[in-house]
Amino acid sequence: MNTAKLLRQLRKEKEITMDEMVIDLKRYGVSPSKSMISRWESGKAEPSMEYARILAQYYGVSLDYLLGLSAERSSVSATTSPPTTIAAHAVDDLTPEEQQEVMNFIQYVKSKRRPND
């Protein structure tokens, strides 16, 4: 299956609209437009490597699977959640205000470090 069809299929499996996806991807530090996602899904454009990595993480599949290089949906790296993935999923159901409060707390904890930590 080509990347365009796969991206559309993965979004449909997740039962989200392109508008919802735009909002979700902001948690990963990127802001693709709805038209950009549409171009990816129609095959008119390919996601950059940065976006491909984020999309693989977002959909919980391996990068090889997303790029059509493997029939295996998951890889060892995709099935083990790195800390950033765990954190992203931990705040999924928080409001933007609550997410900001969590970020403020993280900054507070970091500020308490000793210089050589």
PDB file of N, CA and C in Angstrom:
ATOM      1  N   MET A   1       0.853  -1.179   0.000  1.00  0.00           N
ATOM      2  CA  MET A   1       0.000   0.000   0.000  1.00  0.00           C
ATOM      3  C   MET A   1       0.895   1.236   0.000  1.00  0.00           C
ATOM      4  N   ASN A   2       0.521   2.237  -0.784  1.00  0.00           N
ATOM      5  CA  ASN A   2       1.356   3.431  -0.822  1.00  0.00           C
ATOM      6  C   ASN A   2       1.104   4.308   0.412  1.00  0.00           C
ATOM      7  N   THR A   3       2.006   5.220   0.646  1.00  0.00           N
ATOM      8  CA  THR A   3       1.951   6.054   1.848  1.00  0.00           C
ATOM      9  C   THR A   3       0.658   6.863   1.932  1.00  0.00           C
ATOM     10  N   ALA A   4       0.206   7.404   0.820  1.00  0.00           N
ATOM     11  CA  ALA A   4      -1.008   8.221   0.825  1.00  0.00           C
ATOM     12  C   ALA A   4      -2.206   7.416   1.313  1.00  0.00           C
ATOM     13  N   LYS A   5      -2.411   6.234   0.740  1.00  0.00           N
ATOM     14  CA  LYS A   5      -3.545   5.393   1.149  1.00  0.00           C
ATOM     15  C   LYS A   5      -3.403   4.959   2.597  1.00  0.00           C
ATOM     16  N   LEU A   6      -2.184   4.655   2.986  1.00  0.00           N
ATOM     17  CA  LEU A   6      -1.927   4.222   4.356  1.00  0.00           C
ATOM     18  C   LEU A   6      -2.247   5.328   5.360  1.00  0.00           C
ATOM     19  N   LEU A   7      -1.822   6.558   5.048  1.00  0.00           N
ATOM     20  CA  LEU A   7      -2.104   7.673   5.957  1.00  0.00           C
ATOM     21  C   LEU A   7      -3.605   7.878   6.122  1.00  0.00           C
ATOM     22  N   ARG A   8      -4.328   7.794   5.030  1.00  0.00           N
ATOM     23  CA  ARG A   8      -5.793   7.939   5.091  1.00  0.00           C
ATOM     24  C   ARG A   8      -6.405   6.814   5.915  1.00  0.00           C
ATOM     25  N   GLN A   9      -5.935   5.581   5.679  1.00  0.00           N
ATOM     26  CA  GLN A   9      -6.450   4.426   6.414  1.00  0.00           C
ATOM     27  C   GLN A   9      -6.193   4.564   7.914  1.00  0.00           C
ATOM     28  N   LEU A  10      -4.976   4.969   8.278  1.00  0.00           N
ATOM     29  CA  LEU A  10      -4.633   5.113   9.695  1.00  0.00           C
ATOM     30  C   LEU A  10      -5.497   6.183  10.368  1.00  0.00           C
ATOM     31  N   ARG A  11      -5.750   7.282   9.657  1.00  0.00           N
ATOM     32  CA  ARG A  11      -6.589   8.333  10.231  1.00  0.00           C
ATOM     33  C   ARG A  11      -8.020   7.839  10.419  1.00  0.00           C
ATOM     34  N   LYS A  12      -8.518   7.098   9.436  1.00  0.00           N
ATOM     35  CA  LYS A  12      -9.879   6.557   9.527  1.00  0.00           C
ATOM     36  C   LYS A  12      -9.981   5.539  10.664  1.00  0.00           C
ATOM     37  N   GLU A  13      -8.947   4.704  10.831  1.00  0.00           N
ATOM     38  CA  GLU A  13      -8.931   3.736  11.928  1.00  0.00           C
ATOM     39  C   GLU A  13      -8.979   4.441  13.281  1.00  0.00           C
ATOM     40  N   LYS A  14      -8.318   5.581  13.366  1.00  0.00           N
ATOM     41  CA  LYS A  14      -8.283   6.350  14.608  1.00  0.00           C
ATOM     42  C   LYS A  14      -9.587   7.134  14.802  1.00  0.00           C
ATOM     43  N   GLU A  15     -10.419   7.146  13.745  1.00  0.00           N
ATOM     44  CA  GLU A  15     -11.723   7.807  13.767  1.00  0.00           C
ATOM     45  C   GLU A  15     -11.612   9.287  14.124  1.00  0.00           C
ATOM     46  N   ILE A  16     -10.733   9.979  13.401  1.00  0.00           N
ATOM     47  CA  ILE A  16     -10.560  11.412  13.605  1.00  0.00           C
ATOM     48  C   ILE A  16     -10.670  12.135  12.269  1.00  0.00           C
ATOM     49  N   THR A  17     -11.055  13.376  12.339  1.00  0.00           N
ATOM     50  CA  THR A  17     -11.107  14.219  11.152  1.00  0.00           C
ATOM     51  C   THR A  17      -9.741  14.867  10.957  1.00  0.00           C
ATOM     52  N   MET A  18      -9.549  15.480   9.802  1.00  0.00           N
ATOM     53  CA  MET A  18      -8.302  16.214   9.564  1.00  0.00           C
ATOM     54  C   MET A  18      -8.186  17.377  10.539  1.00  0.00           C
ATOM     55  N   ASP A  19      -9.304  18.028  10.837  1.00  0.00           N
ATOM     56  CA  ASP A  19      -9.277  19.141  11.793  1.00  0.00           C
ATOM     57  C   ASP A  19      -8.813  18.665  13.176  1.00  0.00           C
ATOM     58  N   GLU A  20      -9.296  17.514  13.603  1.00  0.00           N
ATOM     59  CA  GLU A  20      -8.883  16.962  14.898  1.00  0.00           C
ATOM     60  C   GLU A  20      -7.404  16.583  14.876  1.00  0.00           C
ATOM     61  N   MET A  21      -6.969  16.072  13.746  1.00  0.00           N
ATOM     62  CA  MET A  21      -5.561  15.684  13.611  1.00  0.00           C
ATOM     63  C   MET A  21      -4.644  16.896  13.714  1.00  0.00           C
ATOM     64  N   VAL A  22      -5.044  18.010  13.092  1.00  0.00           N
ATOM     65  CA  VAL A  22      -4.259  19.248  13.172  1.00  0.00           C
ATOM     66  C   VAL A  22      -4.065  19.634  14.641  1.00  0.00           C
ATOM     67  N   ILE A  23      -5.125  19.556  15.416  1.00  0.00           N
ATOM     68  CA  ILE A  23      -5.062  19.909  16.839  1.00  0.00           C
ATOM     69  C   ILE A  23      -4.180  18.915  17.591  1.00  0.00           C
ATOM     70  N   ASP A  24      -4.371  17.612  17.339  1.00  0.00           N
ATOM     71  CA  ASP A  24      -3.582  16.582  18.017  1.00  0.00           C
ATOM     72  C   ASP A  24      -2.090  16.737  17.763  1.00  0.00           C
ATOM     73  N   LEU A  25      -1.716  17.044  16.531  1.00  0.00           N
ATOM     74  CA  LEU A  25      -0.295  17.104  16.182  1.00  0.00           C
ATOM     75  C   LEU A  25       0.419  18.286  16.818  1.00  0.00           C
ATOM     76  N   LYS A  26      -0.323  19.259  17.290  1.00  0.00           N
ATOM     77  CA  LYS A  26       0.311  20.382  17.998  1.00  0.00           C
ATOM     78  C   LYS A  26       1.015  19.906  19.256  1.00  0.00           C
ATOM     79  N   ARG A  27       0.534  18.808  19.827  1.00  0.00           N
ATOM     80  CA  ARG A  27       1.172  18.231  21.022  1.00  0.00           C
ATOM     81  C   ARG A  27       2.569  17.714  20.724  1.00  0.00           C
ATOM     82  N   TYR A  28       2.842  17.470  19.452  1.00  0.00           N
ATOM     83  CA  TYR A  28       4.145  16.971  19.027  1.00  0.00           C
ATOM     84  C   TYR A  28       5.056  18.108  18.562  1.00  0.00           C
ATOM     85  N   GLY A  29       4.582  19.330  18.706  1.00  0.00           N
ATOM     86  CA  GLY A  29       5.394  20.493  18.353  1.00  0.00           C
ATOM     87  C   GLY A  29       5.364  20.859  16.885  1.00  0.00           C
ATOM     88  N   VAL A  30       4.380  20.357  16.141  1.00  0.00           N
ATOM     89  CA  VAL A  30       4.253  20.696  14.730  1.00  0.00           C
ATOM     90  C   VAL A  30       2.842  21.191  14.458  1.00  0.00           C
ATOM     91  N   SER A  31       2.681  21.916  13.383  1.00  0.00           N
ATOM     92  CA  SER A  31       1.369  22.480  13.046  1.00  0.00           C
ATOM     93  C   SER A  31       1.074  22.337  11.552  1.00  0.00           C
ATOM     94  N   PRO A  32       0.832  21.106  11.109  1.00  0.00           N
ATOM     95  CA  PRO A  32       0.488  20.966   9.685  1.00  0.00           C
ATOM     96  C   PRO A  32      -0.912  21.539   9.444  1.00  0.00           C
ATOM     97  N   SER A  33      -1.131  22.061   8.275  1.00  0.00           N
ATOM     98  CA  SER A  33      -2.466  22.568   7.939  1.00  0.00           C
ATOM     99  C   SER A  33      -3.335  21.407   7.468  1.00  0.00           C
ATOM    100  N   LYS A  34      -4.617  21.631   7.479  1.00  0.00           N
ATOM    101  CA  LYS A  34      -5.555  20.632   6.980  1.00  0.00           C
ATOM    102  C   LYS A  34      -5.258  20.329   5.506  1.00  0.00           C
ATOM    103  N   SER A  35      -4.912  21.372   4.743  1.00  0.00           N
ATOM    104  CA  SER A  35      -4.615  21.158   3.320  1.00  0.00           C
ATOM    105  C   SER A  35      -3.336  20.332   3.135  1.00  0.00           C
ATOM    106  N   MET A  36      -2.375  20.475   4.045  1.00  0.00           N
ATOM    107  CA  MET A  36      -1.149  19.682   3.967  1.00  0.00           C
ATOM    108  C   MET A  36      -1.484  18.204   4.195  1.00  0.00           C
ATOM    109  N   ILE A  37      -2.298  17.933   5.197  1.00  0.00           N
ATOM    110  CA  ILE A  37      -2.696  16.550   5.476  1.00  0.00           C
ATOM    111  C   ILE A  37      -3.455  15.983   4.277  1.00  0.00           C
ATOM    112  N   SER A  38      -4.320  16.787   3.687  1.00  0.00           N
ATOM    113  CA  SER A  38      -5.071  16.363   2.509  1.00  0.00           C
ATOM    114  C   SER A  38      -4.139  16.021   1.351  1.00  0.00           C
ATOM    115  N   ARG A  39      -3.102  16.829   1.150  1.00  0.00           N
ATOM    116  CA  ARG A  39      -2.133  16.552   0.079  1.00  0.00           C
ATOM    117  C   ARG A  39      -1.384  15.251   0.347  1.00  0.00           C
ATOM    118  N   TRP A  40      -1.038  14.985   1.615  1.00  0.00           N
ATOM    119  CA  TRP A  40      -0.375  13.726   1.953  1.00  0.00           C
ATOM    120  C   TRP A  40      -1.293  12.546   1.625  1.00  0.00           C
ATOM    121  N   GLU A  41      -2.552  12.664   2.033  1.00  0.00           N
ATOM    122  CA  GLU A  41      -3.491  11.554   1.863  1.00  0.00           C
ATOM    123  C   GLU A  41      -3.927  11.354   0.413  1.00  0.00           C
ATOM    124  N   SER A  42      -3.807  12.383  -0.403  1.00  0.00           N
ATOM    125  CA  SER A  42      -4.185  12.251  -1.815  1.00  0.00           C
ATOM    126  C   SER A  42      -2.983  11.875  -2.684  1.00  0.00           C
ATOM    127  N   GLY A  43      -1.795  11.865  -2.099  1.00  0.00           N
ATOM    128  CA  GLY A  43      -0.595  11.522  -2.854  1.00  0.00           C
ATOM    129  C   GLY A  43      -0.003  12.676  -3.630  1.00  0.00           C
ATOM    130  N   LYS A  44      -0.511  13.887  -3.397  1.00  0.00           N
ATOM    131  CA  LYS A  44       0.013  15.062  -4.098  1.00  0.00           C
ATOM    132  C   LYS A  44       1.304  15.570  -3.466  1.00  0.00           C
ATOM    133  N   ALA A  45       1.573  15.136  -2.249  1.00  0.00           N
ATOM    134  CA  ALA A  45       2.801  15.521  -1.543  1.00  0.00           C
ATOM    135  C   ALA A  45       3.166  14.398  -0.588  1.00  0.00           C
ATOM    136  N   GLU A  46       4.427  14.348  -0.222  1.00  0.00           N
ATOM    137  CA  GLU A  46       4.925  13.375   0.743  1.00  0.00           C
ATOM    138  C   GLU A  46       5.302  14.122   2.020  1.00  0.00           C
ATOM    139  N   PRO A  47       5.014  13.550   3.178  1.00  0.00           N
ATOM    140  CA  PRO A  47       5.455  14.206   4.414  1.00  0.00           C
ATOM    141  C   PRO A  47       6.982  14.217   4.495  1.00  0.00           C
ATOM    142  N   SER A  48       7.526  15.282   5.050  1.00  0.00           N
ATOM    143  CA  SER A  48       8.979  15.345   5.268  1.00  0.00           C
ATOM    144  C   SER A  48       9.366  14.248   6.253  1.00  0.00           C
ATOM    145  N   MET A  49      10.637  13.992   6.388  1.00  0.00           N
ATOM    146  CA  MET A  49      11.096  12.970   7.324  1.00  0.00           C
ATOM    147  C   MET A  49      10.679  13.331   8.754  1.00  0.00           C
ATOM    148  N   GLU A  50      10.746  14.603   9.093  1.00  0.00           N
ATOM    149  CA  GLU A  50      10.317  15.031  10.435  1.00  0.00           C
ATOM    150  C   GLU A  50       8.850  14.674  10.659  1.00  0.00           C
ATOM    151  N   TYR A  51       8.009  15.018   9.698  1.00  0.00           N
ATOM    152  CA  TYR A  51       6.583  14.696   9.823  1.00  0.00           C
ATOM    153  C   TYR A  51       6.354  13.194   9.798  1.00  0.00           C
ATOM    154  N   ALA A  52       7.081  12.468   8.976  1.00  0.00           N
ATOM    155  CA  ALA A  52       6.912  11.014   8.902  1.00  0.00           C
ATOM    156  C   ALA A  52       7.199  10.377  10.259  1.00  0.00           C
ATOM    157  N   ARG A  53       8.267  10.807  10.921  1.00  0.00           N
ATOM    158  CA  ARG A  53       8.589  10.265  12.250  1.00  0.00           C
ATOM    159  C   ARG A  53       7.474  10.575  13.235  1.00  0.00           C
ATOM    160  N   ILE A  54       6.970  11.803  13.201  1.00  0.00           N
ATOM    161  CA  ILE A  54       5.900  12.200  14.109  1.00  0.00           C
ATOM    162  C   ILE A  54       4.622  11.430  13.802  1.00  0.00           C
ATOM    163  N   LEU A  55       4.297  11.274  12.524  1.00  0.00           N
ATOM    164  CA  LEU A  55       3.092  10.531  12.146  1.00  0.00           C
ATOM    165  C   LEU A  55       3.186   9.070  12.579  1.00  0.00           C
ATOM    166  N   ALA A  56       4.352   8.466  12.430  1.00  0.00           N
ATOM    167  CA  ALA A  56       4.534   7.081  12.874  1.00  0.00           C
ATOM    168  C   ALA A  56       4.291   6.983  14.378  1.00  0.00           C
ATOM    169  N   GLN A  57       4.830   7.926  15.115  1.00  0.00           N
ATOM    170  CA  GLN A  57       4.632   7.942  16.568  1.00  0.00           C
ATOM    171  C   GLN A  57       3.161   8.193  16.899  1.00  0.00           C
ATOM    172  N   TYR A  58       2.552   9.132  16.225  1.00  0.00           N
ATOM    173  CA  TYR A  58       1.153   9.485  16.453  1.00  0.00           C
ATOM    174  C   TYR A  58       0.227   8.294  16.219  1.00  0.00           C
ATOM    175  N   TYR A  59       0.484   7.547  15.150  1.00  0.00           N
ATOM    176  CA  TYR A  59      -0.366   6.407  14.824  1.00  0.00           C
ATOM    177  C   TYR A  59       0.081   5.103  15.494  1.00  0.00           C
ATOM    178  N   GLY A  60       1.240   5.130  16.160  1.00  0.00           N
ATOM    179  CA  GLY A  60       1.718   3.937  16.853  1.00  0.00           C
ATOM    180  C   GLY A  60       2.184   2.840  15.911  1.00  0.00           C
ATOM    181  N   VAL A  61       2.778   3.246  14.801  1.00  0.00           N
ATOM    182  CA  VAL A  61       3.305   2.280  13.832  1.00  0.00           C
ATOM    183  C   VAL A  61       4.785   2.567  13.624  1.00  0.00           C
ATOM    184  N   SER A  62       5.475   1.609  13.031  1.00  0.00           N
ATOM    185  CA  SER A  62       6.891   1.834  12.738  1.00  0.00           C
ATOM    186  C   SER A  62       7.024   2.782  11.549  1.00  0.00           C
ATOM    187  N   LEU A  63       8.130   3.460  11.478  1.00  0.00           N
ATOM    188  CA  LEU A  63       8.406   4.345  10.353  1.00  0.00           C
ATOM    189  C   LEU A  63       8.483   3.537   9.059  1.00  0.00           C
ATOM    190  N   ASP A  64       9.073   2.347   9.135  1.00  0.00           N
ATOM    191  CA  ASP A  64       9.138   1.477   7.955  1.00  0.00           C
ATOM    192  C   ASP A  64       7.742   1.143   7.444  1.00  0.00           C
ATOM    193  N   TYR A  65       6.819   0.870   8.336  1.00  0.00           N
ATOM    194  CA  TYR A  65       5.440   0.565   7.936  1.00  0.00           C
ATOM    195  C   TYR A  65       4.800   1.789   7.289  1.00  0.00           C
ATOM    196  N   LEU A  66       4.980   2.924   7.912  1.00  0.00           N
ATOM    197  CA  LEU A  66       4.379   4.156   7.397  1.00  0.00           C
ATOM    198  C   LEU A  66       4.879   4.476   5.984  1.00  0.00           C
ATOM    199  N   LEU A  67       6.144   4.184   5.724  1.00  0.00           N
ATOM    200  CA  LEU A  67       6.737   4.478   4.419  1.00  0.00           C
ATOM    201  C   LEU A  67       6.544   3.346   3.414  1.00  0.00           C
ATOM    202  N   GLY A  68       5.854   2.284   3.836  1.00  0.00           N
ATOM    203  CA  GLY A  68       5.599   1.166   2.932  1.00  0.00           C
ATOM    204  C   GLY A  68       6.784   0.247   2.745  1.00  0.00           C
ATOM    205  N   LEU A  69       7.740   0.291   3.664  1.00  0.00           N
ATOM    206  CA  LEU A  69       8.937  -0.535   3.554  1.00  0.00           C
ATOM    207  C   LEU A  69       8.798  -1.863   4.280  1.00  0.00           C
ATOM    208  N   SER A  70       7.753  -1.987   5.108  1.00  0.00           N
ATOM    209  CA  SER A  70       7.535  -3.193   5.889  1.00  0.00           C
ATOM    210  C   SER A  70       6.037  -3.437   6.028  1.00  0.00           C
ATOM    211  N   ALA A  71       5.676  -4.708   6.072  1.00  0.00           N
ATOM    212  CA  ALA A  71       4.272  -5.062   6.302  1.00  0.00           C
ATOM    213  C   ALA A  71       3.964  -5.108   7.794  1.00  0.00           C
ATOM    214  N   GLU A  72       5.003  -5.089   8.620  1.00  0.00           N
ATOM    215  CA  GLU A  72       4.834  -5.117  10.074  1.00  0.00           C
ATOM    216  C   GLU A  72       4.448  -3.733  10.571  1.00  0.00           C
ATOM    217  N   ARG A  73       3.295  -3.628  11.203  1.00  0.00           N
ATOM    218  CA  ARG A  73       2.841  -2.334  11.717  1.00  0.00           C
ATOM    219  C   ARG A  73       3.751  -1.787  12.803  1.00  0.00           C
ATOM    220  N   SER A  74       4.189  -2.661  13.669  1.00  0.00           N
ATOM    221  CA  SER A  74       4.980  -2.217  14.813  1.00  0.00           C
ATOM    222  C   SER A  74       6.393  -2.742  14.727  1.00  0.00           C
ATOM    223  N   SER A  75       7.271  -2.003  15.339  1.00  0.00           N
ATOM    224  CA  SER A  75       8.647  -2.452  15.487  1.00  0.00           C
ATOM    225  C   SER A  75       8.966  -2.385  16.962  1.00  0.00           C
ATOM    226  N   VAL A  76      10.132  -2.832  17.340  1.00  0.00           N
ATOM    227  CA  VAL A  76      10.515  -2.777  18.746  1.00  0.00           C
ATOM    228  C   VAL A  76      10.439  -1.351  19.247  1.00  0.00           C
ATOM    229  N   SER A  77      10.936  -0.400  18.451  1.00  0.00           N
ATOM    230  CA  SER A  77      10.933   0.989  18.894  1.00  0.00           C
ATOM    231  C   SER A  77       9.520   1.567  18.940  1.00  0.00           C
ATOM    232  N   ALA A  78       8.625   1.064  18.102  1.00  0.00           N
ATOM    233  CA  ALA A  78       7.254   1.589  18.107  1.00  0.00           C
ATOM    234  C   ALA A  78       6.431   1.001  19.238  1.00  0.00           C
ATOM    235  N   THR A  79       6.787  -0.215  19.703  1.00  0.00           N
ATOM    236  CA  THR A  79       5.993  -0.832  20.753  1.00  0.00           C
ATOM    237  C   THR A  79       6.463  -0.424  22.139  1.00  0.00           C
ATOM    238  N   THR A  80       7.690   0.036  22.265  1.00  0.00           N
ATOM    239  CA  THR A  80       8.149   0.538  23.550  1.00  0.00           C
ATOM    240  C   THR A  80       7.985   2.039  23.537  1.00  0.00           C
ATOM    241  N   SER A  81       7.327   2.552  24.543  1.00  0.00           N
ATOM    242  CA  SER A  81       7.020   3.979  24.557  1.00  0.00           C
ATOM    243  C   SER A  81       8.156   4.783  25.150  1.00  0.00           C
ATOM    244  N   PRO A  82       8.787   5.621  24.338  1.00  0.00           N
ATOM    245  CA  PRO A  82       9.801   6.508  24.902  1.00  0.00           C
ATOM    246  C   PRO A  82       9.121   7.516  25.815  1.00  0.00           C
ATOM    247  N   PRO A  83       9.872   8.156  26.699  1.00  0.00           N
ATOM    248  CA  PRO A  83       9.268   9.094  27.642  1.00  0.00           C
ATOM    249  C   PRO A  83       8.407  10.163  26.979  1.00  0.00           C
ATOM    250  N   THR A  84       8.819  10.663  25.814  1.00  0.00           N
ATOM    251  CA  THR A  84       8.013  11.704  25.175  1.00  0.00           C
ATOM    252  C   THR A  84       6.664  11.178  24.739  1.00  0.00           C
ATOM    253  N   THR A  85       6.615   9.923  24.300  1.00  0.00           N
ATOM    254  CA  THR A  85       5.336   9.326  23.901  1.00  0.00           C
ATOM    255  C   THR A  85       4.457   9.132  25.120  1.00  0.00           C
ATOM    256  N   ILE A  86       5.034   8.644  26.200  1.00  0.00           N
ATOM    257  CA  ILE A  86       4.271   8.444  27.427  1.00  0.00           C
ATOM    258  C   ILE A  86       3.694   9.776  27.892  1.00  0.00           C
ATOM    259  N   ALA A  87       4.505  10.813  27.885  1.00  0.00           N
ATOM    260  CA  ALA A  87       4.042  12.126  28.310  1.00  0.00           C
ATOM    261  C   ALA A  87       2.929  12.638  27.407  1.00  0.00           C
ATOM    262  N   ALA A  88       3.063  12.439  26.110  1.00  0.00           N
ATOM    263  CA  ALA A  88       2.036  12.902  25.174  1.00  0.00           C
ATOM    264  C   ALA A  88       0.715  12.197  25.442  1.00  0.00           C
ATOM    265  N   HIS A  89       0.761  10.898  25.706  1.00  0.00           N
ATOM    266  CA  HIS A  89      -0.472  10.170  25.972  1.00  0.00           C
ATOM    267  C   HIS A  89      -1.040  10.502  27.349  1.00  0.00           C
ATOM    268  N   ALA A  90      -0.178  10.848  28.292  1.00  0.00           N
ATOM    269  CA  ALA A  90      -0.644  11.164  29.637  1.00  0.00           C
ATOM    270  C   ALA A  90      -1.471  12.445  29.671  1.00  0.00           C
ATOM    271  N   VAL A  91      -1.246  13.340  28.735  1.00  0.00           N
ATOM    272  CA  VAL A  91      -1.975  14.616  28.734  1.00  0.00           C
ATOM    273  C   VAL A  91      -3.069  14.666  27.670  1.00  0.00           C
ATOM    274  N   ASP A  92      -3.316  13.543  27.001  1.00  0.00           N
ATOM    275  CA  ASP A  92      -4.314  13.505  25.926  1.00  0.00           C
ATOM    276  C   ASP A  92      -5.670  14.065  26.326  1.00  0.00           C
ATOM    277  N   ASP A  93      -6.131  13.728  27.521  1.00  0.00           N
ATOM    278  CA  ASP A  93      -7.478  14.128  27.904  1.00  0.00           C
ATOM    279  C   ASP A  93      -7.511  15.375  28.788  1.00  0.00           C
ATOM    280  N   LEU A  94      -6.400  16.085  28.855  1.00  0.00           N
ATOM    281  CA  LEU A  94      -6.356  17.317  29.637  1.00  0.00           C
ATOM    282  C   LEU A  94      -6.749  18.504  28.762  1.00  0.00           C
ATOM    283  N   THR A  95      -7.322  19.501  29.393  1.00  0.00           N
ATOM    284  CA  THR A  95      -7.636  20.734  28.677  1.00  0.00           C
ATOM    285  C   THR A  95      -6.326  21.463  28.383  1.00  0.00           C
ATOM    286  N   PRO A  96      -6.333  22.415  27.454  1.00  0.00           N
ATOM    287  CA  PRO A  96      -5.105  23.185  27.199  1.00  0.00           C
ATOM    288  C   PRO A  96      -4.580  23.878  28.461  1.00  0.00           C
ATOM    289  N   GLU A  97      -5.485  24.344  29.306  1.00  0.00           N
ATOM    290  CA  GLU A  97      -5.066  25.003  30.545  1.00  0.00           C
ATOM    291  C   GLU A  97      -4.377  24.007  31.482  1.00  0.00           C
ATOM    292  N   GLU A  98      -4.929  22.790  31.567  1.00  0.00           N
ATOM    293  CA  GLU A  98      -4.318  21.762  32.408  1.00  0.00           C
ATOM    294  C   GLU A  98      -2.974  21.336  31.842  1.00  0.00           C
ATOM    295  N   GLN A  99      -2.875  21.238  30.523  1.00  0.00           N
ATOM    296  CA  GLN A  99      -1.602  20.895  29.896  1.00  0.00           C
ATOM    297  C   GLN A  99      -0.552  21.954  30.214  1.00  0.00           C
ATOM    298  N   GLN A 100      -0.954  23.225  30.180  1.00  0.00           N
ATOM    299  CA  GLN A 100      -0.016  24.301  30.508  1.00  0.00           C
ATOM    300  C   GLN A 100       0.422  24.200  31.960  1.00  0.00           C
ATOM    301  N   GLU A 101      -0.495  23.835  32.838  1.00  0.00           N
ATOM    302  CA  GLU A 101      -0.161  23.677  34.258  1.00  0.00           C
ATOM    303  C   GLU A 101       0.875  22.564  34.437  1.00  0.00           C
ATOM    304  N   VAL A 102       0.718  21.462  33.692  1.00  0.00           N
ATOM    305  CA  VAL A 102       1.683  20.368  33.744  1.00  0.00           C
ATOM    306  C   VAL A 102       3.040  20.861  33.257  1.00  0.00           C
ATOM    307  N   MET A 103       3.056  21.606  32.145  1.00  0.00           N
ATOM    308  CA  MET A 103       4.320  22.141  31.628  1.00  0.00           C
ATOM    309  C   MET A 103       4.971  23.089  32.629  1.00  0.00           C
ATOM    310  N   ASN A 104       4.167  23.902  33.295  1.00  0.00           N
ATOM    311  CA  ASN A 104       4.706  24.805  34.313  1.00  0.00           C
ATOM    312  C   ASN A 104       5.339  24.014  35.455  1.00  0.00           C
ATOM    313  N   PHE A 105       4.689  22.921  35.854  1.00  0.00           N
ATOM    314  CA  PHE A 105       5.232  22.090  36.925  1.00  0.00           C
ATOM    315  C   PHE A 105       6.554  21.462  36.496  1.00  0.00           C
ATOM    316  N   ILE A 106       6.611  20.993  35.260  1.00  0.00           N
ATOM    317  CA  ILE A 106       7.860  20.407  34.752  1.00  0.00           C
ATOM    318  C   ILE A 106       8.979  21.446  34.800  1.00  0.00           C
ATOM    319  N   GLN A 107       8.692  22.666  34.370  1.00  0.00           N
ATOM    320  CA  GLN A 107       9.698  23.727  34.417  1.00  0.00           C
ATOM    321  C   GLN A 107      10.121  24.015  35.855  1.00  0.00           C
ATOM    322  N   TYR A 108       9.162  23.980  36.777  1.00  0.00           N
ATOM    323  CA  TYR A 108       9.473  24.201  38.187  1.00  0.00           C
ATOM    324  C   TYR A 108      10.415  23.112  38.698  1.00  0.00           C
ATOM    325  N   VAL A 109      10.117  21.861  38.384  1.00  0.00           N
ATOM    326  CA  VAL A 109      10.964  20.747  38.828  1.00  0.00           C
ATOM    327  C   VAL A 109      12.368  20.900  38.245  1.00  0.00           C
ATOM    328  N   LYS A 110      12.464  21.246  36.967  1.00  0.00           N
ATOM    329  CA  LYS A 110      13.772  21.437  36.347  1.00  0.00           C
ATOM    330  C   LYS A 110      14.542  22.582  36.990  1.00  0.00           C
ATOM    331  N   SER A 111      13.830  23.617  37.395  1.00  0.00           N
ATOM    332  CA  SER A 111      14.496  24.785  37.989  1.00  0.00           C
ATOM    333  C   SER A 111      15.124  24.464  39.349  1.00  0.00           C
ATOM    334  N   LYS A 112      14.695  23.384  39.985  1.00  0.00           N
ATOM    335  CA  LYS A 112      15.226  22.992  41.289  1.00  0.00           C
ATOM    336  C   LYS A 112      16.509  22.190  41.191  1.00  0.00           C
ATOM    337  N   ARG A 113      16.936  21.859  39.975  1.00  0.00           N
ATOM    338  CA  ARG A 113      18.148  21.074  39.790  1.00  0.00           C
ATOM    339  C   ARG A 113      19.357  21.859  40.246  1.00  0.00           C
ATOM    340  N   ARG A 114      20.315  21.105  40.756  1.00  0.00           N
ATOM    341  CA  ARG A 114      21.596  21.730  41.060  1.00  0.00           C
ATOM    342  C   ARG A 114      22.364  21.890  39.759  1.00  0.00           C
ATOM    343  N   PRO A 115      23.268  22.846  39.659  1.00  0.00           N
ATOM    344  CA  PRO A 115      23.980  23.118  38.400  1.00  0.00           C
ATOM    345  C   PRO A 115      24.641  21.907  37.754  1.00  0.00           C
ATOM    346  N   ASN A 116      25.132  20.954  38.527  1.00  0.00           N
ATOM    347  CA  ASN A 116      25.848  19.811  37.954  1.00  0.00           C
ATOM    348  C   ASN A 116      24.960  18.595  37.760  1.00  0.00           C
ATOM    349  N   ASP A 117      23.666  18.723  37.912  1.00  0.00           N
ATOM    350  CA  ASP A 117      22.741  17.583  37.718  1.00  0.00           C
ATOM    351  C   ASP A 117      22.516  17.315  36.257  1.00  0.00           C
TER     352      ASP A 117
END
